[in-house]
Amino acid sequence: PRLDKTGSVVTSRGHGDFYEAVSRGNVYYLATGAAAGTAFTGGAGGTPLLAVFNPANSGRNISLIAAGIDVTAIPTAAGVVNLELWAGVSAIPTGTQTAPRNMLSQVASGSSALGFVNAATTGSTAVNLVAPLSSFVWETAAASSVATTGLVFLHGLVTIGPGVLAAIGLRTIPTTTTTSVTLVWEDVAL
């Protein structure tokens, strides 16, 4: 580090933004591949495309890095596909779990989080809308479509404490729409 002409500290990064956390084995992800999905609006026991639950006794925070969507099959009828992030204190979901993968080793183990991929979060409590992430509008087969960015960097702005469920879902799913969705986070010791 050095000072610039106004007295501010100047530093230089030696690696990418997330290299340190990834290289230490603390970054994990869940992803779907071309899922049809079920509409999700934060309801108790709902079926989001992805969900991450941080157990109350984990001793860790789940710091969300990025979320993304890719529309893999367009609707056959006009519609809007809104990818949204939901979160809230919740009972432990008992639905079918998917182990999160480590971003460095690609091994499906090591995260303190419980993962759910396109599965009912049976027993979960209703959660709140935190942020809209992306939108895709399809008018008709003859008209154009509009899609926003597929990857949204959250940079830890949303951090999931122990006992909290975070879920990504589509508010509506027009006929024949399929999407790929991903959620990336860092496990951070308390």
Protein backbone atom coordinates (compact mmCIF):
# COMPACT_ATOMS: atom_id res chain seq x y z
CA PRO A 1 0.00 0.00 0.00
CA ARG A 2 0.99 3.61 -0.58
CA LEU A 3 -0.62 7.04 -0.34
CA ASP A 4 -1.87 8.92 -3.38
CA LYS A 5 -1.53 12.70 -3.78
CA THR A 6 -4.68 13.28 -1.70
CA GLY A 7 -3.56 11.04 1.16
CA SER A 8 -5.82 8.09 0.33
CA VAL A 9 -4.41 4.57 0.58
CA VAL A 10 -3.67 2.92 -2.79
CA THR A 11 -3.45 -0.86 -2.98
CA SER A 12 -3.03 -3.36 -5.79
CA ARG A 13 -4.90 -6.65 -6.03
CA GLY A 14 -2.81 -9.66 -6.87
CA HIS A 15 -5.73 -11.96 -7.78
CA GLY A 16 -9.42 -11.97 -8.67
CA ASP A 17 -12.01 -10.74 -6.15
CA PHE A 18 -12.96 -14.18 -4.86
CA TYR A 19 -9.65 -16.03 -5.31
CA GLU A 20 -8.70 -16.00 -1.62
CA ALA A 21 -12.01 -17.47 -0.40
CA VAL A 22 -12.12 -20.05 -3.23
CA SER A 23 -8.47 -21.09 -2.77
CA ARG A 24 -9.09 -21.66 0.95
CA GLY A 25 -11.99 -24.01 0.10
CA ASN A 26 -14.70 -21.82 1.63
CA VAL A 27 -16.87 -21.16 -1.46
CA TYR A 28 -19.76 -23.45 -2.41
CA TYR A 29 -22.57 -23.54 -4.95
CA LEU A 30 -25.82 -25.19 -5.94
CA ALA A 31 -27.10 -25.26 -9.51
CA THR A 32 -30.00 -26.63 -11.50
CA GLY A 33 -29.86 -27.77 -15.07
CA ALA A 34 -32.82 -26.90 -17.30
CA ALA A 35 -35.46 -27.27 -14.57
CA ALA A 36 -39.14 -26.73 -15.29
CA GLY A 37 -39.71 -25.63 -11.71
CA THR A 38 -42.77 -24.59 -9.75
CA ALA A 39 -43.89 -21.01 -9.13
CA PHE A 40 -42.47 -19.81 -5.78
CA THR A 41 -43.42 -16.73 -3.75
CA GLY A 42 -41.84 -17.50 -0.39
CA GLY A 43 -44.62 -19.69 0.97
CA ALA A 44 -44.06 -22.19 3.78
CA GLY A 45 -43.07 -25.61 2.43
CA GLY A 46 -42.78 -24.22 -1.12
CA THR A 47 -40.67 -25.53 -3.98
CA PRO A 48 -38.04 -22.97 -4.98
CA LEU A 49 -35.55 -23.71 -7.74
CA LEU A 50 -32.77 -23.55 -5.14
CA ALA A 51 -32.72 -23.18 -1.37
CA VAL A 52 -29.95 -23.02 1.21
CA PHE A 53 -30.64 -23.49 4.91
CA ASN A 54 -28.03 -22.51 7.50
CA PRO A 55 -28.58 -24.80 10.53
CA ALA A 56 -28.93 -23.03 13.88
CA ASN A 57 -25.86 -24.83 15.28
CA SER A 58 -23.60 -24.33 12.21
CA GLY A 59 -21.28 -21.75 13.78
CA ARG A 60 -21.08 -20.10 10.35
CA ASN A 61 -22.66 -17.41 8.23
CA ILE A 62 -23.53 -18.04 4.59
CA SER A 63 -22.38 -14.96 2.66
CA LEU A 64 -24.05 -14.91 -0.77
CA ILE A 65 -21.63 -14.03 -3.58
CA ALA A 66 -23.73 -14.41 -6.74
CA ALA A 67 -26.98 -15.75 -8.15
CA GLY A 68 -27.79 -16.42 -11.76
CA ILE A 69 -30.37 -17.60 -14.25
CA ASP A 70 -30.31 -18.85 -17.81
CA VAL A 71 -33.62 -19.39 -19.61
CA THR A 72 -33.04 -22.70 -21.40
CA ALA A 73 -36.45 -23.17 -23.05
CA ILE A 74 -38.69 -20.26 -23.96
CA PRO A 75 -42.41 -20.17 -23.18
CA THR A 76 -44.97 -21.21 -25.78
CA ALA A 77 -47.26 -18.42 -24.55
CA ALA A 78 -46.65 -14.81 -23.55
CA GLY A 79 -45.29 -14.37 -20.05
CA VAL A 80 -42.78 -12.92 -17.64
CA VAL A 81 -40.18 -14.96 -15.76
CA ASN A 82 -38.93 -13.15 -12.62
CA LEU A 83 -36.07 -14.69 -10.66
CA GLU A 84 -36.26 -13.56 -7.03
CA LEU A 85 -34.28 -14.08 -3.82
CA TRP A 86 -36.26 -14.83 -0.66
CA ALA A 87 -34.99 -15.29 2.92
CA GLY A 88 -36.13 -15.55 6.50
CA VAL A 89 -35.89 -17.38 9.80
CA SER A 90 -37.26 -20.85 9.23
CA ALA A 91 -37.83 -24.25 10.72
CA ILE A 92 -35.46 -26.89 9.30
CA PRO A 93 -36.76 -28.06 5.91
CA THR A 94 -37.11 -31.83 5.61
CA GLY A 95 -37.33 -32.08 1.81
CA THR A 96 -34.91 -33.93 -0.45
CA GLN A 97 -31.44 -32.48 0.04
CA THR A 98 -28.66 -31.89 -2.47
CA ALA A 99 -25.14 -31.47 -1.08
CA PRO A 100 -23.56 -28.15 -2.10
CA ARG A 101 -20.37 -28.43 -4.18
CA ASN A 102 -17.08 -26.86 -3.23
CA MET A 103 -16.01 -24.34 -5.89
CA LEU A 104 -12.31 -25.32 -5.65
CA SER A 105 -12.45 -29.12 -5.43
CA GLN A 106 -15.90 -29.67 -7.02
CA VAL A 107 -16.55 -32.21 -4.25
CA ALA A 108 -20.13 -32.33 -2.93
CA SER A 109 -19.23 -31.98 0.76
CA GLY A 110 -17.87 -29.59 3.34
CA SER A 111 -20.47 -26.81 3.49
CA SER A 112 -22.36 -26.21 6.70
CA ALA A 113 -25.45 -25.39 4.59
CA LEU A 114 -28.24 -27.78 3.69
CA GLY A 115 -29.03 -27.53 -0.04
CA PHE A 116 -32.31 -28.10 -1.88
CA VAL A 117 -32.50 -28.19 -5.68
CA ASN A 118 -35.97 -27.96 -7.24
CA ALA A 119 -37.35 -29.84 -4.22
CA ALA A 120 -40.11 -29.02 -1.75
CA THR A 121 -38.74 -27.41 1.40
CA THR A 122 -41.19 -29.42 3.48
CA GLY A 123 -41.65 -28.02 6.98
CA SER A 124 -40.02 -24.66 6.19
CA THR A 125 -41.48 -21.39 7.38
CA ALA A 126 -42.65 -18.68 4.95
CA VAL A 127 -39.80 -16.34 3.93
CA ASN A 128 -39.64 -12.74 2.72
CA LEU A 129 -38.72 -11.23 -0.63
CA VAL A 130 -35.18 -9.85 -0.37
CA ALA A 131 -34.41 -8.85 -3.96
CA PRO A 132 -35.50 -9.31 -7.56
CA LEU A 133 -32.55 -10.74 -9.49
CA SER A 134 -33.50 -11.05 -13.13
CA SER A 135 -36.42 -10.82 -15.54
CA PHE A 136 -37.27 -12.37 -18.88
CA VAL A 137 -40.24 -11.22 -20.99
CA TRP A 138 -41.63 -13.31 -23.85
CA GLU A 139 -44.44 -11.81 -25.91
CA THR A 140 -45.30 -14.24 -28.72
CA ALA A 141 -43.53 -16.49 -31.17
CA ALA A 142 -43.51 -13.63 -33.68
CA ALA A 143 -42.41 -10.92 -31.24
CA SER A 144 -39.15 -10.23 -29.51
CA SER A 145 -38.13 -11.14 -26.01
CA VAL A 146 -36.21 -9.12 -23.42
CA ALA A 147 -33.92 -10.60 -20.76
CA THR A 148 -31.81 -8.92 -18.08
CA THR A 149 -28.37 -10.03 -16.95
CA GLY A 150 -27.99 -13.69 -16.15
CA LEU A 151 -25.52 -13.33 -13.25
CA VAL A 152 -26.05 -10.98 -10.32
CA PHE A 153 -23.17 -10.36 -7.92
CA LEU A 154 -24.38 -9.93 -4.33
CA HIS A 155 -20.87 -9.49 -2.84
CA GLY A 156 -22.03 -10.61 0.62
CA LEU A 157 -24.76 -7.96 0.84
CA VAL A 158 -27.13 -10.80 1.69
CA THR A 159 -25.68 -12.95 4.47
CA ILE A 160 -27.65 -15.86 5.88
CA GLY A 161 -27.15 -16.36 9.61
CA PRO A 162 -27.77 -19.57 11.55
CA GLY A 163 -31.43 -20.65 11.44
CA VAL A 164 -32.15 -18.77 8.21
CA LEU A 165 -33.38 -20.13 4.86
CA ALA A 166 -32.53 -18.43 1.54
CA ALA A 167 -34.41 -19.47 -1.58
CA ILE A 168 -34.38 -18.56 -5.25
CA GLY A 169 -37.57 -18.99 -7.19
CA LEU A 170 -39.56 -17.86 -10.17
CA ARG A 171 -42.76 -15.95 -9.36
CA THR A 172 -44.47 -17.31 -12.48
CA ILE A 173 -43.47 -20.01 -14.92
CA PRO A 174 -45.08 -19.70 -18.35
CA THR A 175 -45.84 -22.95 -20.16
CA THR A 176 -42.78 -24.95 -21.33
CA THR A 177 -40.27 -22.57 -19.70
CA THR A 178 -37.16 -24.19 -18.26
CA THR A 179 -34.28 -22.45 -16.55
CA SER A 180 -30.84 -23.15 -15.16
CA VAL A 181 -30.22 -21.38 -11.85
CA THR A 182 -27.15 -21.09 -9.63
CA LEU A 183 -26.35 -19.73 -6.17
CA VAL A 184 -22.76 -19.20 -4.97
CA TRP A 185 -21.75 -18.41 -1.38
CA GLU A 186 -18.89 -18.38 1.10
CA ASP A 187 -19.09 -20.25 4.40
CA VAL A 188 -17.68 -17.82 6.98
CA ALA A 189 -16.87 -18.85 10.57
CA LEU A 190 -18.58 -16.75 13.26
